[in-house]
Amino acid sequence: MPLYEYELCEGGCVVCGGRFTLRRPSERRDLKECPACKKPVRRVFSPVSSPTKLKPLSISDAKKSGFTVLKKVGKGEYERQ
């Protein structure tokens, strides 16, 4: 289930702090009010974390990891490298 961030539309709150995160199924509708203080809220789009840079997997790294590396020699024909 994805995490969704919400913030109060206006004002602040001692109970929820004005901003909170919930884990909800994606098919459910967005919240219209805070479950703690019942004030109106809106969903905030948060940044997604992704790897900044991945190095390509070399043949020797793949072999060390236990993968079988194949080389194409013809149409539909492969041999171990």
C-alpha atoms as a PDB file:
ATOM      1  CA  MET A   1       0.000   0.000   0.000  1.00  0.00           C
ATOM      2  CA  PRO A   2       1.346   3.441  -0.864  1.00  0.00           C
ATOM      3  CA  LEU A   3       1.986   6.223   1.625  1.00  0.00           C
ATOM      4  CA  TYR A   4       0.021   9.452   1.215  1.00  0.00           C
ATOM      5  CA  GLU A   5       0.880  12.782   2.832  1.00  0.00           C
ATOM      6  CA  TYR A   6      -1.838  15.194   3.885  1.00  0.00           C
ATOM      7  CA  GLU A   7      -1.791  18.734   5.270  1.00  0.00           C
ATOM      8  CA  LEU A   8      -4.441  20.987   6.755  1.00  0.00           C
ATOM      9  CA  CYS A   9      -6.034  23.365   4.271  1.00  0.00           C
ATOM     10  CA  GLU A  10      -5.634  26.267   6.694  1.00  0.00           C
ATOM     11  CA  GLY A  11      -4.528  26.803  10.242  1.00  0.00           C
ATOM     12  CA  GLY A  12      -2.644  24.481  12.513  1.00  0.00           C
ATOM     13  CA  CYS A  13      -3.410  21.727  14.966  1.00  0.00           C
ATOM     14  CA  VAL A  14      -1.810  20.523  18.183  1.00  0.00           C
ATOM     15  CA  VAL A  15      -3.063  16.957  17.667  1.00  0.00           C
ATOM     16  CA  CYS A  16      -1.855  16.223  14.106  1.00  0.00           C
ATOM     17  CA  GLY A  17       0.750  18.980  13.744  1.00  0.00           C
ATOM     18  CA  GLY A  18      -0.845  20.237  10.518  1.00  0.00           C
ATOM     19  CA  ARG A  19       0.716  17.460   8.423  1.00  0.00           C
ATOM     20  CA  PHE A  20       0.529  13.670   8.590  1.00  0.00           C
ATOM     21  CA  THR A  21       1.228  10.528   6.551  1.00  0.00           C
ATOM     22  CA  LEU A  22      -1.120   7.576   6.088  1.00  0.00           C
ATOM     23  CA  ARG A  23      -0.772   4.193   4.408  1.00  0.00           C
ATOM     24  CA  ARG A  24      -3.935   3.659   2.368  1.00  0.00           C
ATOM     25  CA  PRO A  25      -5.011   1.401  -0.510  1.00  0.00           C
ATOM     26  CA  SER A  26      -4.757   3.221  -3.844  1.00  0.00           C
ATOM     27  CA  GLU A  27      -8.395   2.494  -4.774  1.00  0.00           C
ATOM     28  CA  ARG A  28      -9.745   4.431  -1.768  1.00  0.00           C
ATOM     29  CA  ARG A  29     -10.717   8.070  -2.204  1.00  0.00           C
ATOM     30  CA  ASP A  30      -8.620  10.871  -0.732  1.00  0.00           C
ATOM     31  CA  LEU A  31      -9.376  12.033   2.786  1.00  0.00           C
ATOM     32  CA  LYS A  32     -11.426  15.190   3.134  1.00  0.00           C
ATOM     33  CA  GLU A  33     -10.818  15.701   6.871  1.00  0.00           C
ATOM     34  CA  CYS A  34      -8.140  14.849   9.407  1.00  0.00           C
ATOM     35  CA  PRO A  35      -8.980  11.670  11.362  1.00  0.00           C
ATOM     36  CA  ALA A  36      -7.651  13.277  14.591  1.00  0.00           C
ATOM     37  CA  CYS A  37      -8.956  16.875  14.566  1.00  0.00           C
ATOM     38  CA  LYS A  38     -11.667  16.679  11.833  1.00  0.00           C
ATOM     39  CA  LYS A  39     -10.365  19.808  10.038  1.00  0.00           C
ATOM     40  CA  PRO A  40     -10.346  19.856   6.188  1.00  0.00           C
ATOM     41  CA  VAL A  41      -7.168  18.454   4.582  1.00  0.00           C
ATOM     42  CA  ARG A  42      -5.638  18.145   1.114  1.00  0.00           C
ATOM     43  CA  ARG A  43      -3.227  15.564  -0.249  1.00  0.00           C
ATOM     44  CA  VAL A  44       0.357  16.707  -0.806  1.00  0.00           C
ATOM     45  CA  PHE A  45       2.509  15.194  -3.551  1.00  0.00           C
ATOM     46  CA  SER A  46       5.795  14.095  -2.041  1.00  0.00           C
ATOM     47  CA  PRO A  47       9.063  13.337  -3.839  1.00  0.00           C
ATOM     48  CA  VAL A  48       9.796   9.762  -4.835  1.00  0.00           C
ATOM     49  CA  SER A  49      13.153   8.301  -3.891  1.00  0.00           C
ATOM     50  CA  SER A  50      14.968   6.529  -6.676  1.00  0.00           C
ATOM     51  CA  PRO A  51      18.567   5.452  -7.157  1.00  0.00           C
ATOM     52  CA  THR A  52      20.674   8.314  -8.438  1.00  0.00           C
ATOM     53  CA  LYS A  53      23.051   6.239 -10.539  1.00  0.00           C
ATOM     54  CA  LEU A  54      23.338   2.543 -11.259  1.00  0.00           C
ATOM     55  CA  LYS A  55      26.442   1.031 -12.778  1.00  0.00           C
ATOM     56  CA  PRO A  56      25.897  -1.473 -15.572  1.00  0.00           C
ATOM     57  CA  LEU A  57      26.353  -5.100 -14.592  1.00  0.00           C
ATOM     58  CA  SER A  58      29.509  -6.533 -16.115  1.00  0.00           C
ATOM     59  CA  ILE A  59      29.852 -10.104 -17.308  1.00  0.00           C
ATOM     60  CA  SER A  60      32.348 -10.935 -14.557  1.00  0.00           C
ATOM     61  CA  ASP A  61      30.023  -9.468 -11.883  1.00  0.00           C
ATOM     62  CA  ALA A  62      27.129 -11.551 -13.240  1.00  0.00           C
ATOM     63  CA  LYS A  63      29.233 -14.737 -13.179  1.00  0.00           C
ATOM     64  CA  LYS A  64      30.399 -14.018  -9.603  1.00  0.00           C
ATOM     65  CA  SER A  65      26.756 -13.569  -8.568  1.00  0.00           C
ATOM     66  CA  GLY A  66      25.870 -17.010  -9.941  1.00  0.00           C
ATOM     67  CA  PHE A  67      24.152 -16.046 -13.190  1.00  0.00           C
ATOM     68  CA  THR A  68      24.673 -17.991 -16.395  1.00  0.00           C
ATOM     69  CA  VAL A  69      25.897 -15.638 -19.120  1.00  0.00           C
ATOM     70  CA  LEU A  70      24.942 -16.543 -22.670  1.00  0.00           C
ATOM     71  CA  LYS A  71      26.237 -15.180 -25.973  1.00  0.00           C
ATOM     72  CA  LYS A  72      24.122 -15.175 -29.135  1.00  0.00           C
ATOM     73  CA  VAL A  73      25.883 -17.109 -31.922  1.00  0.00           C
ATOM     74  CA  GLY A  74      23.078 -17.383 -34.445  1.00  0.00           C
ATOM     75  CA  LYS A  75      19.374 -17.062 -34.931  1.00  0.00           C
ATOM     76  CA  GLY A  76      17.922 -18.695 -31.811  1.00  0.00           C
ATOM     77  CA  GLU A  77      21.304 -20.204 -30.843  1.00  0.00           C
ATOM     78  CA  TYR A  78      23.235 -19.288 -27.715  1.00  0.00           C
ATOM     79  CA  GLU A  79      26.347 -20.599 -26.022  1.00  0.00           C
ATOM     80  CA  ARG A  80      27.752 -20.158 -22.533  1.00  0.00           C
ATOM     81  CA  GLN A  81      30.351 -17.468 -22.216  1.00  0.00           C
END
